[in-house]
Protein backbone atom coordinates (compact mmCIF):
# COMPACT_ATOMS: atom_id res chain seq x y z
CA MET A 1 -18.56 8.21 23.77
CA ARG A 2 -15.10 6.82 22.90
CA ASN A 3 -16.55 3.65 21.33
CA PHE A 4 -18.77 5.86 19.18
CA LEU A 5 -15.81 7.88 18.07
CA ASP A 6 -13.83 4.75 17.41
CA ASP A 7 -16.72 3.55 15.18
CA VAL A 8 -16.66 6.83 13.25
CA VAL A 9 -12.94 6.85 12.76
CA SER A 10 -13.05 3.10 11.60
CA GLY A 11 -15.87 3.80 9.27
CA LEU A 12 -14.08 6.91 7.75
CA ALA A 13 -10.93 4.85 7.32
CA ARG A 14 -12.59 2.07 5.37
CA LEU A 15 -14.46 4.69 3.33
CA CYS A 16 -11.23 6.59 2.43
CA VAL A 17 -9.48 3.28 1.57
CA LYS A 18 -12.44 2.15 -0.60
CA ILE A 19 -12.36 5.46 -2.50
CA PHE A 20 -8.54 5.87 -2.77
CA PHE A 21 -7.58 2.37 -3.69
CA ARG A 22 -8.96 0.35 -6.56
CA ARG A 23 -8.43 -2.89 -4.56
CA VAL A 24 -6.85 -3.77 -1.19
CA GLU A 25 -5.83 -7.47 -0.82
CA VAL A 26 -5.45 -8.65 2.81
CA GLU A 27 -3.53 -11.75 3.70
CA GLY A 28 -3.26 -13.43 7.12
CA ARG A 29 -6.21 -11.84 8.78
CA GLU A 30 -6.48 -15.04 10.78
CA ASN A 31 -3.30 -14.11 12.58
CA LEU A 32 -4.93 -11.17 14.36
CA PRO A 33 -5.85 -12.01 18.01
CA ALA A 34 -9.64 -12.25 18.56
CA SER A 35 -9.26 -10.36 21.89
CA GLY A 36 -6.64 -9.10 24.41
CA PRO A 37 -3.91 -6.51 24.10
CA VAL A 38 -2.13 -6.25 20.79
CA LEU A 39 0.71 -4.19 19.41
CA LEU A 40 0.61 -3.65 15.63
CA VAL A 41 3.92 -2.91 13.99
CA ALA A 42 4.04 -1.94 10.34
CA ASN A 43 6.49 -0.85 7.74
CA HIS A 44 6.23 2.99 6.77
CA HIS A 45 6.48 3.86 3.01
CA ASN A 46 3.36 6.03 2.49
CA SER A 47 3.22 8.81 5.08
CA LEU A 48 -0.27 9.20 6.54
CA VAL A 49 -1.89 6.78 4.18
CA ASP A 50 -0.23 3.97 6.14
CA PRO A 51 -2.17 4.19 9.44
CA VAL A 52 -5.57 4.62 7.54
CA LEU A 53 -4.75 1.47 5.52
CA VAL A 54 -3.74 -0.43 8.71
CA LEU A 55 -6.84 0.59 10.49
CA ALA A 56 -9.22 -0.15 7.68
CA SER A 57 -7.65 -3.63 6.80
CA THR A 58 -7.04 -5.02 10.34
CA ARG A 59 -10.38 -3.53 11.69
CA ILE A 60 -8.78 -3.26 15.06
CA ARG A 61 -9.51 -0.11 17.02
CA ALA A 62 -5.89 0.66 17.65
CA ARG A 63 -4.45 3.86 19.07
CA PHE A 64 -1.69 5.05 16.60
CA LEU A 65 1.53 6.72 17.51
CA ALA A 66 2.57 9.66 15.39
CA LYS A 67 5.25 12.45 15.40
CA SER A 68 4.20 15.31 17.58
CA THR A 69 4.81 17.92 14.69
CA LEU A 70 1.63 16.73 12.97
CA TRP A 71 -0.35 18.46 15.62
CA LYS A 72 0.90 21.85 14.12
CA VAL A 73 -0.48 21.02 10.71
CA PRO A 74 -3.70 23.03 9.97
CA GLY A 75 -6.78 20.68 9.96
CA MET A 76 -4.70 17.74 11.11
CA ARG A 77 -4.91 18.30 14.97
CA GLN A 78 -8.76 17.72 14.86
CA LEU A 79 -8.33 14.45 13.03
CA LEU A 80 -5.63 13.28 15.36
CA GLN A 81 -7.69 14.11 18.32
CA LEU A 82 -10.77 12.37 16.85
CA ALA A 83 -8.61 9.22 16.44
CA ALA A 84 -7.12 9.60 19.93
CA VAL A 85 -3.57 9.41 18.33
CA ILE A 86 -0.74 9.47 20.82
CA PRO A 87 2.13 11.86 19.99
CA VAL A 88 5.74 10.78 19.88
CA TYR A 89 8.41 13.40 20.60
CA ARG A 90 11.53 13.04 18.39
CA ALA A 91 14.99 14.75 18.76
CA GLN A 92 15.19 15.59 15.07
CA ASP A 93 11.96 17.63 15.40
CA GLY A 94 13.54 19.69 18.19
CA SER A 95 11.05 18.26 20.71
CA ASP A 96 11.64 17.59 24.44
CA MET A 97 12.34 13.90 24.53
CA LYS A 98 11.34 13.62 28.26
CA GLN A 99 7.64 14.03 27.05
CA ASN A 100 7.88 10.50 25.76
CA PHE A 101 7.41 9.25 29.33
CA GLN A 102 3.77 10.36 28.74
CA THR A 103 3.74 8.58 25.48
CA PHE A 104 4.96 5.36 27.00
CA ALA A 105 2.43 5.77 30.00
CA ALA A 106 -0.56 6.23 27.53
CA CYS A 107 0.56 3.12 25.59
CA HIS A 108 0.97 1.09 28.69
CA GLU A 109 -2.48 2.24 29.94
CA VAL A 110 -4.19 1.18 26.65
CA LEU A 111 -2.36 -2.26 26.60
CA GLY A 112 -3.05 -2.92 30.35
CA GLU A 113 -6.81 -2.38 29.64
CA GLY A 114 -6.62 -5.05 26.81
CA GLY A 115 -6.57 -2.45 23.96
CA ALA A 116 -4.40 -2.08 20.88
CA ILE A 117 -1.58 0.20 19.99
CA ALA A 118 -0.22 0.61 16.39
CA LEU A 119 3.13 2.17 15.40
CA PHE A 120 5.72 2.16 12.73
CA PRO A 121 9.05 1.08 14.26
CA GLU A 122 11.21 2.50 11.36
CA GLY A 123 10.31 5.84 12.82
CA ILE A 124 10.06 7.61 9.50
CA SER A 125 8.20 7.40 6.26
CA HIS A 126 10.77 6.84 3.47
CA ASP A 127 11.22 5.82 -0.18
CA ALA A 128 14.00 3.17 0.30
CA PRO A 129 13.33 -0.23 -1.39
CA HIS A 130 13.92 -1.99 1.92
CA LEU A 131 13.08 -1.60 5.68
CA ALA A 132 14.91 1.20 7.48
CA LYS A 133 16.64 0.55 10.69
CA ILE A 134 14.12 -0.56 13.39
CA LYS A 135 13.92 1.51 16.52
CA THR A 136 13.56 -0.02 20.01
CA GLY A 137 10.39 1.76 20.97
CA ALA A 138 8.02 -1.24 20.15
CA ALA A 139 10.10 -3.65 22.21
CA ARG A 140 10.26 -1.27 25.16
CA ILE A 141 6.62 -0.62 25.04
CA ALA A 142 5.78 -4.31 24.93
CA ILE A 143 8.19 -5.23 27.70
CA GLY A 144 7.05 -2.47 29.96
CA ALA A 145 3.29 -3.49 29.30
CA VAL A 146 3.88 -7.15 30.14
CA ASN A 147 6.12 -6.55 33.19
CA ASP A 148 4.47 -3.48 34.98
CA HIS A 149 0.94 -3.18 33.58
CA GLY A 150 -0.63 -6.50 33.46
CA ALA A 151 -0.64 -7.04 29.77
CA ASP A 152 0.61 -10.71 30.11
CA ARG A 153 -1.49 -11.85 27.01
CA LEU A 154 0.17 -9.19 24.66
CA GLN A 155 0.98 -10.08 21.23
CA ILE A 156 3.00 -8.25 18.69
CA VAL A 157 1.65 -8.47 15.13
CA PRO A 158 3.82 -7.44 12.16
CA VAL A 159 1.82 -5.90 9.34
CA GLY A 160 3.38 -5.47 5.83
CA LEU A 161 2.13 -2.83 3.39
CA THR A 162 2.98 -3.12 -0.24
CA PHE A 163 1.75 -0.57 -2.87
CA GLU A 164 1.46 -1.07 -6.63
CA ALA A 165 1.97 2.61 -7.15
CA LYS A 166 1.96 4.36 -3.87
CA GLY A 167 1.39 7.93 -5.19
CA THR A 168 -1.23 6.97 -7.61
CA PHE A 169 -4.95 7.44 -6.97
CA ARG A 170 -6.94 4.14 -7.68
CA SER A 171 -3.90 1.96 -7.68
CA ARG A 172 -3.72 -1.29 -5.60
CA ALA A 173 -2.35 -2.34 -2.24
CA LEU A 174 -1.50 -5.47 -0.32
CA VAL A 175 -1.70 -5.85 3.43
CA ARG A 176 0.04 -8.86 4.76
CA ILE A 177 -0.39 -9.83 8.45
CA GLY A 178 2.30 -11.97 9.88
CA THR A 179 2.57 -14.55 12.72
CA PRO A 180 2.23 -12.92 16.07
CA ILE A 181 5.44 -12.52 18.34
CA ASP A 182 5.13 -13.38 21.97
CA PRO A 183 7.07 -10.67 24.07
CA ARG A 184 6.84 -12.71 27.29
CA PRO A 185 10.20 -14.54 26.94
CA TYR A 186 11.94 -11.26 26.61
CA ALA A 187 10.01 -9.59 29.35
CA ALA A 188 11.21 -12.46 31.74
CA GLU A 189 14.77 -11.42 31.59
CA SER A 190 16.39 -10.00 34.64
CA ASP A 191 16.98 -6.28 35.12
CA ASP A 192 20.60 -6.80 34.23
CA GLU A 193 19.68 -8.30 30.91
CA ALA A 194 17.08 -5.73 30.04
CA PHE A 195 19.14 -4.13 27.28
CA ALA A 196 19.81 -7.35 25.62
CA ALA A 197 16.08 -8.32 25.88
CA THR A 198 15.05 -5.21 24.29
CA ARG A 199 17.51 -5.76 21.47
CA GLY A 200 16.45 -9.29 21.09
CA LEU A 201 12.70 -8.42 20.88
CA THR A 202 13.63 -5.58 18.42
CA GLU A 203 15.35 -8.11 16.17
CA ALA A 204 12.23 -10.43 16.40
CA VAL A 205 10.11 -7.45 15.31
CA LEU A 206 12.53 -6.82 12.46
CA GLU A 207 12.41 -10.49 11.27
CA GLY A 208 8.63 -10.46 11.59
CA LEU A 209 8.46 -7.45 9.38
CA ARG A 210 10.93 -8.91 6.87
CA GLY A 211 8.54 -11.77 6.43
CA VAL A 212 5.66 -9.58 5.32
CA THR A 213 7.59 -6.98 3.27
CA LEU A 214 9.70 -6.97 0.10
CA ASN A 215 13.26 -5.82 0.78
CA TYR A 216 15.48 -5.16 -2.26
CA PRO A 217 19.21 -4.31 -2.08
CA SER A 218 18.70 -1.12 -4.20
CA HIS A 219 16.17 0.67 -6.46
CA GLU A 220 17.94 -0.43 -9.56
CA GLU A 221 17.78 -4.15 -8.44
CA ALA A 222 14.21 -3.78 -7.33
CA THR A 223 13.21 -2.81 -10.83
CA LEU A 224 15.32 -5.72 -12.21
CA ILE A 225 13.91 -8.26 -9.93
CA GLU A 226 10.42 -7.13 -10.35
CA GLN A 227 10.70 -7.34 -14.16
CA ALA A 228 12.32 -10.82 -14.10
CA ALA A 229 9.73 -12.15 -11.53
CA ASP A 230 6.73 -10.70 -13.32
CA LEU A 231 7.98 -12.04 -16.63
CA TYR A 232 8.61 -15.49 -15.22
CA ALA A 233 5.25 -15.74 -13.36
CA MET A 234 3.00 -14.09 -15.89
CA GLN A 235 0.62 -16.73 -17.51
CA THR A 236 -0.87 -16.51 -21.02
CA PRO A 237 -4.49 -15.42 -20.46
CA GLU A 238 -6.86 -14.65 -23.39
CA LEU A 239 -6.84 -10.94 -22.45
CA PRO A 240 -4.48 -8.78 -20.39
CA ALA A 241 -4.86 -9.43 -16.73
CA ARG A 242 -2.70 -8.16 -13.95
CA MET A 243 -1.39 -10.60 -11.29
CA ALA A 244 -2.95 -10.34 -7.92
CA LEU A 245 -0.51 -8.43 -5.69
CA ALA A 246 -0.33 -11.40 -3.29
CA GLU A 247 0.68 -13.61 -6.10
CA ALA A 248 3.25 -11.04 -7.32
CA PHE A 249 4.59 -10.69 -3.78
CA ALA A 250 5.13 -14.32 -3.28
CA ILE A 251 7.19 -14.72 -6.57
CA ARG A 252 9.13 -11.51 -5.97
CA GLN A 253 10.06 -12.52 -2.46
CA GLN A 254 11.44 -15.87 -3.87
CA PHE A 255 13.33 -13.98 -6.48
CA ILE A 256 14.94 -11.59 -3.99
CA GLU A 257 16.18 -14.52 -1.96
CA THR A 258 17.32 -16.53 -5.07
CA TYR A 259 19.07 -13.46 -6.56
CA ALA A 260 21.06 -12.70 -3.44
CA ARG A 261 22.39 -16.31 -3.29
CA LEU A 262 23.12 -16.46 -7.00
CA ARG A 263 24.72 -12.97 -7.13
CA ALA A 264 27.32 -14.18 -4.64
CA ALA A 265 27.83 -17.70 -6.22
CA ASP A 266 27.90 -16.84 -9.89
CA PRO A 267 27.70 -13.00 -10.52
CA GLU A 268 28.81 -13.18 -14.17
CA ARG A 269 25.98 -15.54 -15.13
CA VAL A 270 23.44 -13.35 -13.17
CA ASP A 271 24.67 -10.23 -14.82
CA ALA A 272 24.25 -11.80 -18.24
CA VAL A 273 20.56 -12.73 -17.58
CA ALA A 274 20.03 -9.32 -15.98
CA SER A 275 21.32 -7.56 -19.08
CA ARG A 276 18.88 -9.54 -21.17
CA VAL A 277 15.95 -8.72 -18.86
CA GLU A 278 16.86 -5.02 -19.08
CA ALA A 279 16.99 -5.05 -22.89
CA TYR A 280 13.69 -6.85 -22.98
CA ALA A 281 12.12 -4.24 -20.59
CA HIS A 282 13.51 -1.43 -22.79
CA SER A 283 11.98 -3.00 -25.89
CA LEU A 284 8.59 -3.35 -24.12
CA GLY A 285 8.83 0.43 -23.23
CA GLU A 286 9.63 1.38 -26.76
CA MET A 287 6.62 -0.40 -28.05
CA GLN A 288 4.54 1.15 -25.25
CA VAL A 289 3.16 -2.19 -24.10
CA ARG A 290 3.36 -3.88 -20.71
CA GLU A 291 4.06 -7.46 -19.75
CA GLU A 292 0.51 -8.45 -19.33
CA HIS A 293 -0.22 -7.27 -23.03
CA LEU A 294 2.67 -9.29 -24.57
CA ALA A 295 1.61 -12.36 -22.46
CA ALA A 296 -2.07 -12.16 -23.67
CA ARG A 297 -3.27 -14.23 -26.60
CA PHE A 298 -6.03 -11.75 -27.83
CA PRO A 299 -8.43 -14.21 -29.47
CA SER A 300 -10.89 -12.54 -31.89
CA ASP A 301 -14.02 -13.84 -30.08
CA ALA A 302 -12.73 -12.61 -26.65
CA VAL A 303 -11.55 -9.29 -28.11
CA LEU A 304 -15.01 -8.59 -29.72
CA ALA A 305 -17.01 -9.64 -26.52
CA GLN A 306 -14.60 -7.32 -24.53
CA VAL A 307 -15.11 -4.38 -26.82
CA PHE A 308 -18.88 -4.57 -27.11
CA GLY A 309 -19.28 -5.28 -23.39
CA THR A 310 -17.25 -2.45 -22.34
CA ALA A 311 -18.61 -0.03 -24.86
CA TRP A 312 -22.13 -0.75 -23.64
CA LEU A 313 -21.13 -0.27 -20.05
CA LEU A 314 -19.53 2.96 -20.80
CA LEU A 315 -22.39 4.28 -22.81
CA PHE A 316 -24.69 3.22 -20.00
CA TRP A 317 -22.59 5.13 -17.35
CA LEU A 318 -21.79 8.11 -19.52
CA PRO A 319 -24.67 10.48 -18.61
CA LEU A 320 -24.19 10.12 -14.77
CA ALA A 321 -20.34 10.10 -15.27
CA THR A 322 -20.51 13.37 -17.20
CA ILE A 323 -22.42 15.07 -14.48
CA GLY A 324 -19.95 13.66 -11.82
CA THR A 325 -16.88 14.84 -13.80
CA ALA A 326 -18.28 18.34 -14.07
CA LEU A 327 -19.12 18.60 -10.29
CA SER A 328 -15.77 17.22 -9.09
CA TYR A 329 -13.33 18.38 -11.79
CA ILE A 330 -12.03 21.34 -9.98
CA PRO A 331 -10.94 19.73 -6.70
CA TYR A 332 -9.61 16.58 -8.63
CA ARG A 333 -7.32 18.75 -10.78
CA LEU A 334 -6.37 20.99 -7.95
CA LEU A 335 -5.21 18.06 -5.73
CA GLY A 336 -3.23 16.58 -8.67
CA VAL A 337 -1.37 19.88 -9.23
CA VAL A 338 -0.62 20.27 -5.57
CA ALA A 339 0.55 16.64 -5.26
CA SER A 340 2.99 17.05 -8.19
CA PHE A 341 4.84 19.54 -6.07
CA MET A 342 5.57 17.23 -3.17
CA LYS A 343 9.26 16.65 -2.68
CA THR A 344 9.18 12.91 -1.83
CA ASP A 345 7.35 9.98 -3.28
CA ASP A 346 5.59 9.14 -0.01
CA LEU A 347 3.63 12.56 0.20
CA PRO A 348 1.55 12.75 -2.91
CA SER A 349 -0.92 9.95 -1.79
CA THR A 350 -1.26 11.79 1.58
CA MET A 351 -2.06 15.07 -0.04
CA LYS A 352 -4.67 13.45 -2.31
CA LEU A 353 -6.29 11.34 0.39
CA PHE A 354 -6.47 14.06 3.18
CA GLY A 355 -6.91 16.94 0.82
CA GLY A 356 -9.66 15.18 -0.90
CA PHE A 357 -11.22 14.35 2.41
CA PHE A 358 -11.77 18.19 3.00
CA LEU A 359 -11.87 19.61 -0.48
CA PHE A 360 -14.44 17.37 -2.23
CA PRO A 361 -17.18 17.83 0.48
CA LEU A 362 -16.43 21.59 0.46
CA THR A 363 -16.94 21.81 -3.37
CA TRP A 364 -20.20 19.70 -3.16
CA ALA A 365 -21.42 22.02 -0.35
CA VAL A 366 -20.85 24.94 -2.85
CA TRP A 367 -22.80 23.20 -5.44
CA CYS A 368 -25.56 22.47 -2.96
CA GLY A 369 -25.67 26.19 -1.97
CA LEU A 370 -26.10 27.12 -5.69
CA ALA A 371 -28.74 24.47 -6.26
CA GLY A 372 -30.51 25.71 -3.22
CA SER A 373 -30.39 29.21 -4.47
CA ALA A 374 -31.82 28.16 -7.89
CA TRP A 375 -34.45 25.50 -6.79
CA GLY A 376 -34.87 25.86 -3.10
CA TRP A 377 -34.26 23.18 -0.40
CA GLN A 378 -35.32 20.46 -2.82
CA GLY A 379 -32.49 21.44 -5.16
CA ALA A 380 -29.96 21.53 -2.24
CA VAL A 381 -31.10 18.13 -0.99
CA GLY A 382 -31.00 16.65 -4.56
CA MET A 383 -27.49 18.08 -5.22
CA ALA A 384 -26.32 16.59 -1.76
CA VAL A 385 -27.21 13.17 -3.12
CA LEU A 386 -26.31 13.63 -6.78
CA ALA A 387 -22.78 15.09 -6.27
CA PRO A 388 -21.06 12.21 -4.37
CA PHE A 389 -23.13 9.69 -6.20
CA SER A 390 -22.32 10.88 -9.63
CA SER A 391 -18.67 11.55 -8.71
CA TRP A 392 -18.29 7.83 -7.74
CA PHE A 393 -19.70 6.80 -11.19
CA ALA A 394 -17.37 9.31 -12.90
CA MET A 395 -14.41 7.85 -11.10
CA ARG A 396 -15.28 4.22 -12.06
CA PHE A 397 -16.17 5.39 -15.64
CA HIS A 398 -12.70 7.05 -16.14
CA GLU A 399 -10.76 4.14 -14.79
CA ARG A 400 -12.65 1.68 -16.85
CA TYR A 401 -12.26 3.78 -19.93
CA GLU A 402 -8.56 4.32 -19.38
CA ARG A 403 -7.86 0.60 -18.83
CA PHE A 404 -9.93 -0.25 -21.98
CA PHE A 405 -8.12 2.41 -24.07
CA ASP A 406 -4.66 1.28 -22.78
CA ASP A 407 -5.40 -2.41 -23.63
CA ALA A 408 -6.87 -1.50 -27.01
CA THR A 409 -3.90 0.75 -28.16
CA ALA A 410 -1.46 -1.95 -26.87
CA TRP A 411 -3.34 -4.67 -28.95
CA ALA A 412 -3.31 -2.25 -32.03
CA ARG A 413 0.43 -1.60 -31.59
CA MET A 414 1.22 -5.29 -31.49
CA ARG A 415 -0.89 -6.01 -34.50
CA LEU A 416 0.82 -3.27 -36.48
CA GLN A 417 4.33 -4.48 -35.29
CA LYS A 418 3.82 -8.14 -35.68
CA ARG A 419 7.58 -8.94 -36.24
CA GLN A 420 8.64 -7.06 -33.24
CA THR A 421 5.92 -8.60 -31.16
CA THR A 422 6.88 -12.13 -32.30
CA ALA A 423 10.62 -11.33 -31.48
CA LEU A 424 9.64 -10.10 -28.09
CA ARG A 425 7.63 -13.13 -27.29
CA ASN A 426 10.41 -15.35 -28.36
CA GLU A 427 12.79 -13.43 -26.19
CA ARG A 428 10.44 -13.64 -23.33
CA GLU A 429 10.38 -17.43 -23.51
CA ALA A 430 14.17 -17.44 -23.79
CA ILE A 431 14.60 -15.40 -20.64
CA ARG A 432 12.16 -17.83 -18.84
CA ARG A 433 14.45 -20.65 -19.80
CA ASP A 434 17.37 -18.71 -18.46
CA VAL A 435 15.62 -18.08 -15.20
CA ASP A 436 14.67 -21.75 -15.04
CA GLU A 437 18.33 -22.66 -15.33
CA LEU A 438 19.30 -20.20 -12.58
CA ARG A 439 16.65 -21.57 -10.22
CA ALA A 440 17.84 -25.09 -10.96
CA ILE A 441 21.44 -24.11 -10.14
CA ASP A 442 20.26 -22.51 -6.87
CA ASP A 443 18.28 -25.57 -5.95
CA GLU A 444 21.35 -27.70 -6.67
CA GLN A 445 23.62 -25.38 -4.47
CA SER A 446 21.03 -25.29 -1.73
CA ARG A 447 20.94 -28.94 -0.96
């Protein structure tokens, strides 16, 4: 029965991720153990979306740990029980910390039987541009499982979650799976060195997570480094094209490291280039275009082919998309309004994902009831197929239309403001040369 429920939960997670995200890139899946006990540790920036994404992308039937207060949320208890989630009792929630003995025992039992546990060692979901302080729970669970519960083949696998726009429906996400960490050297320490062993393994977990996540000094510097990295790395395609998140991650991670070294060695020069990047980004914003628009060459034949191809596709989808829009408009707008009242940036996506999980099927059930009243059971069955199918087409239609309209208006703005466009492209190349010079200086100093 449990295996069947695990299959259901895994299937639902993959379905939710397929619907919520436009694309999920997964790197390092080969680092996942083929069998045996495994402890997945991930960064935590997007509330309850994070465990769904980890489950769907790793495809490991892991038991997740979650704060005990979630069991008090209406409708959440049933989902947590379905997924066999293990509660964690935290002092800041006013919980009895002694109950965590049961939590550790449950984790040790799963790992001792060769299963998988997944947790977020930061302990909180947050909006900081870097990892929060890592708790020792993961290390304590791992050492206890190896020493006392026969999980001698246990591996700890760091998982990094990076979001393009974490509160935005149909945005992109990157999952990076790092090199496994062997806890056995730490578990082999004597009882007198247990505290040091726990701290040492916690540091190893932290380093593993740093390798698969982006860690900026501040929000302001995060924006600056991302702008500079994207400007530098963006090629000149015929039509606007966004970089793959994995490609963007690699260049941004390099820029974070280079920025830190240069900021310490030559802050004045770094500040001068930073000011230039900020002014360039401000000018892009004033023109209402993005980096991929300015980088694109927009040859006439490619533009015409894109216009006619997209127009034909949208016209073909239009009838079904219109039906889907009408059938799903109310829950879509309602979730958007509710999400806008969330107090932190890590909650809107959770509201949209889990609210939609209940609200859309409920709305479609109402339509099925109305169709059944009008046309009998045949109408109800037809609506049961039509509602989700047409809603999927409506979603794809709107995102394709919005992207096409966005690119078309950017192209028109640049055509109408040729002088400003030329000046910005020249500035873009000048900044790229400045960055090249800074990277050469860093290479010279690093030798």
